[in-house]
Protein backbone atom coordinates (compact mmCIF):
# COMPACT_ATOMS: atom_id res chain seq x y z
CA MET A 1 164.94 109.31 76.98
CA SER A 2 161.76 109.84 74.97
CA PRO A 3 158.72 110.34 77.24
CA ILE A 4 156.74 107.70 75.34
CA LEU A 5 159.38 105.10 76.17
CA VAL A 6 159.20 106.01 79.86
CA ILE A 7 155.40 105.89 79.81
CA LEU A 8 155.32 102.52 78.07
CA ALA A 9 157.85 101.13 80.54
CA LEU A 10 155.77 102.34 83.49
CA ALA A 11 152.62 100.93 81.91
CA PHE A 12 154.37 97.58 81.44
CA VAL A 13 155.36 97.51 85.12
CA ALA A 14 151.83 98.52 86.13
CA GLY A 15 150.44 95.71 83.99
CA LEU A 16 152.64 93.21 85.81
CA VAL A 17 151.64 94.57 89.21
CA LEU A 18 147.97 94.24 88.25
CA GLY A 19 148.46 90.57 87.44
CA GLY A 20 148.98 90.88 83.70
CA SER A 21 151.44 89.01 81.52
CA PRO A 22 153.47 90.05 78.47
CA ARG A 23 152.44 86.76 76.86
CA ALA A 24 149.06 88.35 76.15
CA PHE A 25 150.66 90.37 73.35
CA GLY A 26 151.23 87.12 71.48
CA SER A 27 147.49 86.71 70.91
CA LEU A 28 146.91 90.32 69.88
CA ARG A 29 146.05 90.66 66.21
CA VAL A 30 147.06 94.09 64.91
CA HIS A 31 146.92 95.02 61.23
CA TRP A 32 148.93 97.29 58.95
CA TRP A 33 151.92 97.88 61.27
CA ALA A 34 153.72 99.55 58.36
CA LEU A 35 151.46 102.59 58.74
CA ALA A 36 152.56 103.07 62.36
CA PHE A 37 156.25 102.70 61.52
CA ALA A 38 155.94 105.09 58.58
CA GLY A 39 154.10 107.64 60.72
CA VAL A 40 156.77 107.58 63.43
CA ALA A 41 159.55 107.72 60.82
CA LEU A 42 158.10 110.85 59.21
CA GLN A 43 158.32 112.61 62.57
CA SER A 44 161.90 111.49 63.18
CA VAL A 45 163.71 112.04 59.89
CA PRO A 46 164.86 115.54 58.86
CA ALA A 47 162.95 117.29 56.10
CA PRO A 48 164.76 117.32 52.74
CA ARG A 49 164.63 120.15 50.25
CA ILE A 50 162.68 119.07 47.20
CA GLY A 51 163.31 121.17 44.11
CA GLY A 52 162.30 124.75 44.77
CA VAL A 53 160.13 123.84 47.78
CA SER A 54 161.55 125.02 51.09
CA ALA A 55 162.41 122.52 53.79
CA ASP A 56 159.90 124.19 56.12
CA ILE A 57 156.99 123.38 53.81
CA VAL A 58 158.21 119.83 53.28
CA ALA A 59 158.56 119.38 57.04
CA ALA A 60 155.02 120.64 57.71
CA VAL A 61 153.64 118.24 55.10
CA MET A 62 155.66 115.37 56.57
CA LEU A 63 154.38 116.10 60.07
CA ALA A 64 150.76 116.30 58.94
CA ALA A 65 151.19 113.13 56.87
CA SER A 66 152.61 111.30 59.89
CA TYR A 67 149.46 112.05 61.90
CA VAL A 68 147.26 110.95 58.99
CA LEU A 69 149.12 107.63 58.78
CA LEU A 70 148.90 107.07 62.52
CA LEU A 71 145.20 107.94 62.49
CA THR A 72 144.64 105.45 59.70
CA PHE A 73 146.49 102.78 61.68
CA ILE A 74 144.33 103.45 64.75
CA THR A 75 141.15 103.45 62.64
CA VAL A 76 142.01 100.11 61.06
CA ASN A 77 142.69 98.71 64.54
CA ARG A 78 139.85 100.55 66.24
CA TRP A 79 138.98 97.52 68.42
CA ILE A 80 142.19 97.76 70.45
CA PRO A 81 141.99 99.26 73.96
CA ALA A 82 142.04 103.09 74.12
CA ALA A 83 141.91 103.44 70.34
CA GLY A 84 139.39 106.28 70.65
CA VAL A 85 141.56 108.23 73.10
CA MET A 86 144.65 107.87 70.91
CA ALA A 87 142.72 108.81 67.78
CA PHE A 88 141.35 111.95 69.44
CA GLY A 89 144.84 112.98 70.51
CA LEU A 90 146.14 112.50 66.97
CA LEU A 91 143.23 114.52 65.58
CA LEU A 92 144.03 117.43 67.90
CA ASN A 93 147.68 117.39 66.85
CA LEU A 94 146.74 117.16 63.18
CA ALA A 95 144.39 120.13 63.51
CA VAL A 96 146.97 122.46 65.07
CA VAL A 97 149.77 121.33 62.74
CA THR A 98 147.62 121.83 59.65
CA ALA A 99 146.41 125.24 60.82
CA ASN A 100 149.91 126.54 61.55
CA GLY A 101 152.12 124.73 59.05
CA GLY A 102 153.89 122.95 61.91
CA MET A 103 153.56 122.59 65.66
CA PRO A 104 153.74 125.91 67.58
CA VAL A 105 155.70 125.68 70.82
CA SER A 106 155.23 128.03 73.75
CA PRO A 107 158.47 129.88 74.66
CA ASP A 108 157.44 129.95 78.33
CA ALA A 109 156.87 126.18 78.29
CA ILE A 110 160.31 125.66 76.73
CA ARG A 111 161.99 127.64 79.50
CA THR A 112 160.01 125.79 82.20
CA ALA A 113 161.14 122.51 80.68
CA GLY A 114 164.75 123.66 80.96
CA GLY A 115 165.31 124.57 77.31
CA SER A 116 166.08 127.75 75.42
CA SER A 117 163.51 129.32 73.12
CA GLU A 118 166.32 131.32 71.48
CA VAL A 119 167.94 128.09 70.26
CA LEU A 120 164.70 126.93 68.70
CA GLY A 121 164.23 130.29 67.05
CA LEU A 122 167.76 130.35 65.62
CA GLU A 123 167.54 126.80 64.30
CA GLN A 124 164.20 127.49 62.62
CA ALA A 125 163.08 123.99 63.47
CA ALA A 126 160.83 123.19 60.53
CA LYS A 127 158.40 120.81 62.21
CA HIS A 128 158.16 122.99 65.32
CA HIS A 129 158.29 126.75 65.60
CA LEU A 130 157.90 129.34 68.32
CA MET A 131 154.33 130.23 69.17
CA THR A 132 153.27 133.81 68.46
CA ASP A 133 150.12 135.86 68.92
CA ASP A 134 149.13 134.86 65.39
CA SER A 135 149.28 131.13 66.07
CA LEU A 136 145.97 129.37 65.51
CA LEU A 137 144.53 126.88 68.00
CA ALA A 138 147.33 127.90 70.37
CA PRO A 139 145.99 125.93 73.39
CA LEU A 140 146.39 122.75 71.34
CA GLY A 141 150.06 123.43 70.60
CA ASP A 142 153.05 122.38 72.68
CA VAL A 143 152.15 124.28 75.84
CA ILE A 144 152.53 121.66 78.61
CA PRO A 145 156.06 121.67 80.06
CA ILE A 146 157.58 118.66 81.78
CA PRO A 147 160.52 119.96 83.87
CA PRO A 148 163.96 118.29 83.99
CA PRO A 149 165.15 115.58 84.07
CA VAL A 150 162.53 114.78 81.41
CA GLY A 151 162.66 118.27 79.95
CA VAL A 152 160.05 118.12 77.18
CA VAL A 153 157.06 120.18 76.08
CA LEU A 154 153.86 118.35 75.17
CA SER A 155 150.56 119.21 73.56
CA VAL A 156 147.11 118.17 74.76
CA GLY A 157 147.08 115.70 71.88
CA ASP A 158 150.39 114.23 73.04
CA VAL A 159 149.02 113.73 76.55
CA LEU A 160 145.94 111.92 75.23
CA LEU A 161 148.10 109.81 72.93
CA TYR A 162 150.46 108.81 75.75
CA VAL A 163 147.62 108.07 78.18
CA GLY A 164 145.94 105.93 75.55
CA ALA A 165 149.17 104.06 74.80
CA ALA A 166 149.69 103.32 78.51
CA TRP A 167 146.11 102.11 78.90
CA PHE A 168 146.52 99.95 75.81
CA VAL A 169 149.58 98.20 77.25
CA MET A 170 147.97 97.58 80.64
CA GLN A 171 144.70 96.31 79.21
CA VAL A 172 146.35 93.95 76.75
CA MET A 173 148.59 92.53 79.46
CA ARG A 174 145.51 91.91 81.62
CA GLY A 175 143.76 90.11 78.78
CA ARG A 176 141.15 92.84 78.32
CA SER A 177 141.61 93.40 74.57
CA ARG A 178 138.90 92.44 72.13
CA GLU A 179 139.50 90.49 68.95
CA ASN A 180 140.40 92.64 65.97
CA PRO A 181 138.86 91.23 62.77
CA ARG A 182 140.49 91.48 59.38
CA PRO A 183 139.98 95.12 58.30
CA LEU A 184 139.74 94.52 54.57
CA ALA A 185 136.72 92.30 55.12
CA MET A 186 135.00 95.30 56.69
CA TRP A 187 135.72 97.84 53.92
CA PHE A 188 136.34 96.01 50.62
CA PRO A 189 134.89 92.95 48.83
CA SER A 190 137.05 89.98 49.72
CA TYR A 191 136.94 86.21 49.90
CA ARG A 192 134.97 84.97 52.91
CA GLY A 193 134.39 81.35 51.93
CA LYS A 194 134.59 78.32 54.14
CA HIS A 195 138.33 77.92 53.52
CA SER A 196 139.16 81.39 54.84
CA PRO A 197 140.11 81.86 58.52
CA ALA A 198 137.11 82.39 60.78
CA HIS A 199 138.23 85.87 61.84
CA TRP A 200 138.16 86.97 58.17
CA ARG A 201 134.47 86.16 57.86
CA MET A 202 132.94 87.92 60.84
CA PRO A 203 133.87 89.53 64.18
CA ALA A 204 133.93 87.40 67.31
CA ARG A 205 130.71 88.87 68.71
CA TYR A 206 128.75 87.65 65.67
CA ARG A 207 130.36 84.22 65.76
CA ALA A 208 129.47 83.90 69.45
CA ARG A 209 125.89 84.95 68.74
CA ARG A 210 125.60 82.41 65.91
CA ALA A 211 127.08 79.64 68.10
CA ALA A 212 124.62 80.46 70.91
CA THR A 213 121.71 80.35 68.46
CA ALA A 214 122.87 77.00 67.10
CA ARG A 215 123.17 75.54 70.59
CA SER A 216 119.67 76.69 71.54
CA GLY A 217 118.29 75.19 68.31
CA ASN A 218 119.95 71.86 68.98
CA ALA A 219 118.60 71.86 72.51
CA ARG A 220 115.06 72.04 71.17
């Protein structure tokens, strides 16, 4: 099972133990989900050969693009719990992938996790490759082994991403998430007239401040 699925499941249980409810997700407003799905898909699908470009180059571009899409998704929804932690983890992964044309994986970490570095080397896994002395930003690569039965190797960025995802689930379930305003209203000119939804026009903190000011004025 993927470690992220295990972590999310544990976070869900922890949220219930702490008095949270899954119903809280119904009131969570998250934008541009397609970016997240596309980012995950780019990491999952095999790299095709495009014309004379090797599959290794295509795979490296796909992996870097996936982190860019996920970073954009987190930036658009930067009000959600642990967005900063997840964004930092994605930035670390993007840096090492861009510097090395793929994610370098420590052979020692692979063996500790119960795998075989020889298999990875023979398969020439395009999105991941064996770490060498020439690998750049090596400490940010896949160097953290999780022994069997999980049997995976993670990077520092992965750990931050997973911790952030778990915190996100627990905080939302406990009703600790802030309102996420419409992102386009923040970055591009858009309609904000009286017929548009209130959350399009301004974030909740400004609406609360305006309401408090109006109440104090009426009181006088």
